[in-house]
Amino acid sequence: MPQRPVVFLLINSNFTVRSMSMSDLDKVLIDLFRKQSSDVSDKNVIPANGSVGFKKVAFDMFKVEGDAYADLWKMETIDGEDFLVRSSDELPKYKKEDAGDWTAVSNYESDNVTLSYKNVPICTFSSEDYGFSTEDVFTFKSALLDMANDDVEFIKKVVASQPKAKADAISSIFPEINKIIK
């Protein structure tokens, strides 16, 4: 006889009954844990009121002290208050590869890869534009890193593809890149 899934009945404050599978209950409990946790790594949104240290690392992106994932965060105003919001939709599940000062990080869906230099995002490559699939994203990231480390013309093209203000900022922050692109 096949096993039946475990189902829980929850009664909320309005006394409405809701059935919930074990996996749904797990998700609710994990979400509750994350909300109650004081660890920044368990959060996707935190108030920018000074209770947590953060610093601007590039353009409109921030790093938050104590984030075990070393993720990038962006500043957003919600109901008139400033909050830091994790730049990805959920807690990180991305895959990271690095080679020297260059890193290539894919997002959750593996349809975008961000090329960074010394942890500063330089350029994002989308699968839509570059034709890589979720199955070959690791090959794409490896190729990006090889090119970033070995191909001066590639670096010139990547920096040149950025808006002028960003390209100027990259050049001023990283003199070694400035020497390459001049």
Protein backbone atom coordinates (compact mmCIF):
# COMPACT_ATOMS: atom_id res chain seq x y z
CA MET A 1 0.00 0.00 0.00
CA PRO A 2 1.46 3.42 -0.97
CA GLN A 3 2.39 5.77 1.83
CA ARG A 4 0.20 8.82 2.23
CA PRO A 5 1.83 12.21 2.66
CA VAL A 6 1.71 13.74 6.10
CA VAL A 7 -0.68 16.69 6.24
CA PHE A 8 -1.00 19.21 9.04
CA LEU A 9 -4.03 21.34 9.70
CA LEU A 10 -3.20 24.84 10.84
CA ILE A 11 -5.70 27.14 12.42
CA ASN A 12 -4.75 30.80 12.19
CA SER A 13 -5.98 33.71 14.32
CA ASN A 14 -9.14 33.98 12.20
CA PHE A 15 -9.90 30.34 12.92
CA THR A 16 -9.59 29.34 9.29
CA VAL A 17 -8.26 25.87 8.67
CA ARG A 18 -5.49 25.29 6.17
CA SER A 19 -3.93 21.99 5.29
CA MET A 20 -0.20 21.90 4.86
CA SER A 21 2.16 19.24 3.58
CA MET A 22 5.41 18.42 5.34
CA SER A 23 7.47 20.37 2.75
CA ASP A 24 5.19 23.41 3.19
CA LEU A 25 5.60 23.17 6.94
CA ASP A 26 9.39 22.97 6.54
CA LYS A 27 9.33 26.14 4.43
CA VAL A 28 7.20 27.98 7.01
CA LEU A 29 9.50 26.92 9.84
CA ILE A 30 12.64 27.93 7.91
CA ASP A 31 11.10 31.33 7.09
CA LEU A 32 10.15 31.79 10.75
CA PHE A 33 13.69 30.89 11.84
CA ARG A 34 15.16 33.39 9.38
CA LYS A 35 12.86 36.18 10.56
CA GLN A 36 13.76 35.56 14.19
CA SER A 37 17.47 35.11 13.55
CA SER A 38 19.85 37.97 14.31
CA ASP A 39 22.36 36.63 11.74
CA VAL A 40 22.57 38.89 8.66
CA SER A 41 23.22 35.82 6.51
CA ASP A 42 19.65 34.66 7.20
CA LYS A 43 18.10 37.91 5.94
CA ASN A 44 17.17 39.27 2.53
CA VAL A 45 16.16 42.74 3.77
CA ILE A 46 17.69 44.67 6.67
CA PRO A 47 17.14 48.24 7.90
CA ALA A 48 19.92 50.66 6.95
CA ASN A 49 19.74 52.38 10.32
CA GLY A 50 23.28 51.70 11.50
CA SER A 51 22.42 48.53 13.44
CA VAL A 52 24.45 46.58 10.88
CA GLY A 53 27.70 47.79 9.35
CA PHE A 54 27.85 48.17 5.59
CA LYS A 55 29.97 49.92 2.99
CA LYS A 56 29.49 51.00 -0.58
CA VAL A 57 31.66 48.89 -2.88
CA ALA A 58 30.60 49.93 -6.37
CA PHE A 59 28.06 52.27 -7.86
CA ASP A 60 24.80 51.43 -6.05
CA MET A 61 25.98 48.15 -4.47
CA PHE A 62 26.94 47.54 -0.85
CA LYS A 63 28.61 44.84 1.22
CA VAL A 64 27.12 44.06 4.62
CA GLU A 65 29.37 43.14 7.53
CA GLY A 66 28.69 39.66 8.85
CA ASP A 67 27.10 38.33 5.63
CA ALA A 68 28.60 34.85 5.35
CA TYR A 69 27.68 34.77 1.66
CA ALA A 70 29.58 38.03 0.91
CA ASP A 71 26.63 38.95 -1.30
CA LEU A 72 26.01 42.35 -2.82
CA TRP A 73 23.14 44.43 -1.45
CA LYS A 74 21.32 47.45 -2.86
CA MET A 75 19.71 50.37 -1.04
CA GLU A 76 15.93 50.68 -1.40
CA THR A 77 13.38 52.93 0.23
CA ILE A 78 10.39 51.03 1.60
CA ASP A 79 7.56 52.99 3.22
CA GLY A 80 9.84 56.01 3.56
CA GLU A 81 12.66 54.13 5.29
CA ASP A 82 15.98 52.98 3.81
CA PHE A 83 16.67 49.26 3.70
CA LEU A 84 19.48 47.14 2.30
CA VAL A 85 18.04 44.46 0.05
CA ARG A 86 20.02 41.41 -1.03
CA SER A 87 20.67 41.90 -4.74
CA SER A 88 19.49 38.38 -5.53
CA ASP A 89 15.90 37.27 -4.98
CA GLU A 90 16.68 34.73 -2.29
CA LEU A 91 19.46 33.71 -0.01
CA PRO A 92 22.43 32.79 -2.17
CA LYS A 93 22.45 29.53 -4.03
CA TYR A 94 24.82 30.79 -6.69
CA LYS A 95 27.94 29.12 -7.85
CA LYS A 96 31.21 31.03 -7.79
CA GLU A 97 34.44 30.40 -9.64
CA ASP A 98 37.54 32.50 -9.32
CA ALA A 99 40.93 32.83 -10.90
CA GLY A 100 43.33 35.33 -9.42
CA ASP A 101 41.58 38.66 -8.92
CA TRP A 102 38.74 37.75 -11.30
CA THR A 103 35.55 35.97 -10.25
CA ALA A 104 32.56 34.75 -12.22
CA VAL A 105 29.32 34.26 -10.30
CA SER A 106 26.13 32.83 -11.74
CA ASN A 107 22.72 33.66 -10.34
CA TYR A 108 20.20 31.10 -9.03
CA GLU A 109 18.73 30.30 -12.40
CA SER A 110 22.21 30.15 -13.98
CA ASP A 111 21.04 32.45 -16.75
CA ASN A 112 23.30 35.39 -15.83
CA VAL A 113 26.99 35.46 -14.99
CA THR A 114 28.62 38.48 -13.36
CA LEU A 115 32.31 39.01 -13.99
CA SER A 116 33.99 40.84 -11.09
CA TYR A 117 37.47 42.16 -10.47
CA LYS A 118 38.61 42.13 -6.84
CA ASN A 119 34.97 41.53 -5.84
CA VAL A 120 33.71 44.59 -7.75
CA PRO A 121 31.12 43.70 -10.43
CA ILE A 122 32.39 44.74 -13.84
CA CYS A 123 29.94 43.21 -16.33
CA THR A 124 26.97 40.83 -16.42
CA PHE A 125 26.57 38.34 -19.24
CA SER A 126 23.09 36.94 -19.89
CA SER A 127 22.37 33.57 -21.43
CA GLU A 128 19.91 35.34 -23.71
CA ASP A 129 22.70 37.46 -25.21
CA TYR A 130 25.55 34.93 -25.11
CA GLY A 131 23.70 31.66 -25.74
CA PHE A 132 24.86 29.57 -22.78
CA SER A 133 22.42 27.21 -21.06
CA THR A 134 22.04 26.34 -17.41
CA GLU A 135 23.83 23.06 -18.14
CA ASP A 136 26.91 24.75 -19.60
CA VAL A 137 27.09 27.82 -17.34
CA PHE A 138 30.20 26.40 -15.62
CA THR A 139 31.97 26.10 -18.96
CA PHE A 140 30.95 29.67 -19.80
CA LYS A 141 32.29 30.93 -16.45
CA SER A 142 35.57 29.08 -16.95
CA ALA A 143 35.93 30.57 -20.42
CA LEU A 144 35.22 34.06 -19.04
CA LEU A 145 37.88 33.65 -16.38
CA ASP A 146 40.41 32.33 -18.89
CA MET A 147 39.75 35.30 -21.16
CA ALA A 148 39.83 37.80 -18.27
CA ASN A 149 43.23 36.48 -17.17
CA ASP A 150 44.83 35.98 -20.59
CA ASP A 151 43.19 38.24 -23.17
CA VAL A 152 43.94 41.98 -22.95
CA GLU A 153 41.60 42.73 -25.86
CA PHE A 154 38.74 41.00 -24.03
CA ILE A 155 39.24 43.24 -20.97
CA LYS A 156 39.31 46.31 -23.22
CA LYS A 157 36.02 45.27 -24.83
CA VAL A 158 34.35 44.48 -21.50
CA VAL A 159 35.29 47.84 -19.98
CA ALA A 160 34.41 49.68 -23.21
CA SER A 161 30.96 48.05 -23.20
CA GLN A 162 30.12 49.74 -19.88
CA PRO A 163 28.54 53.18 -19.56
CA LYS A 164 31.18 55.92 -19.59
CA ALA A 165 30.77 56.76 -15.91
CA LYS A 166 31.23 53.13 -14.90
CA ALA A 167 34.22 52.65 -17.23
CA ASP A 168 35.82 55.80 -15.77
CA ALA A 169 35.18 54.54 -12.23
CA ILE A 170 36.73 51.16 -13.03
CA SER A 171 39.77 52.89 -14.51
CA SER A 172 40.23 55.14 -11.49
CA ILE A 173 39.69 52.41 -8.88
CA PHE A 174 41.95 49.88 -10.61
CA PRO A 175 45.07 51.47 -12.14
CA GLU A 176 46.16 48.04 -13.40
CA ILE A 177 43.03 47.82 -15.54
CA ASN A 178 43.54 51.41 -16.65
CA LYS A 179 47.00 50.43 -17.98
CA ILE A 180 45.42 47.59 -19.96
CA ILE A 181 42.67 49.63 -21.59
CA LYS A 182 44.81 52.65 -22.55
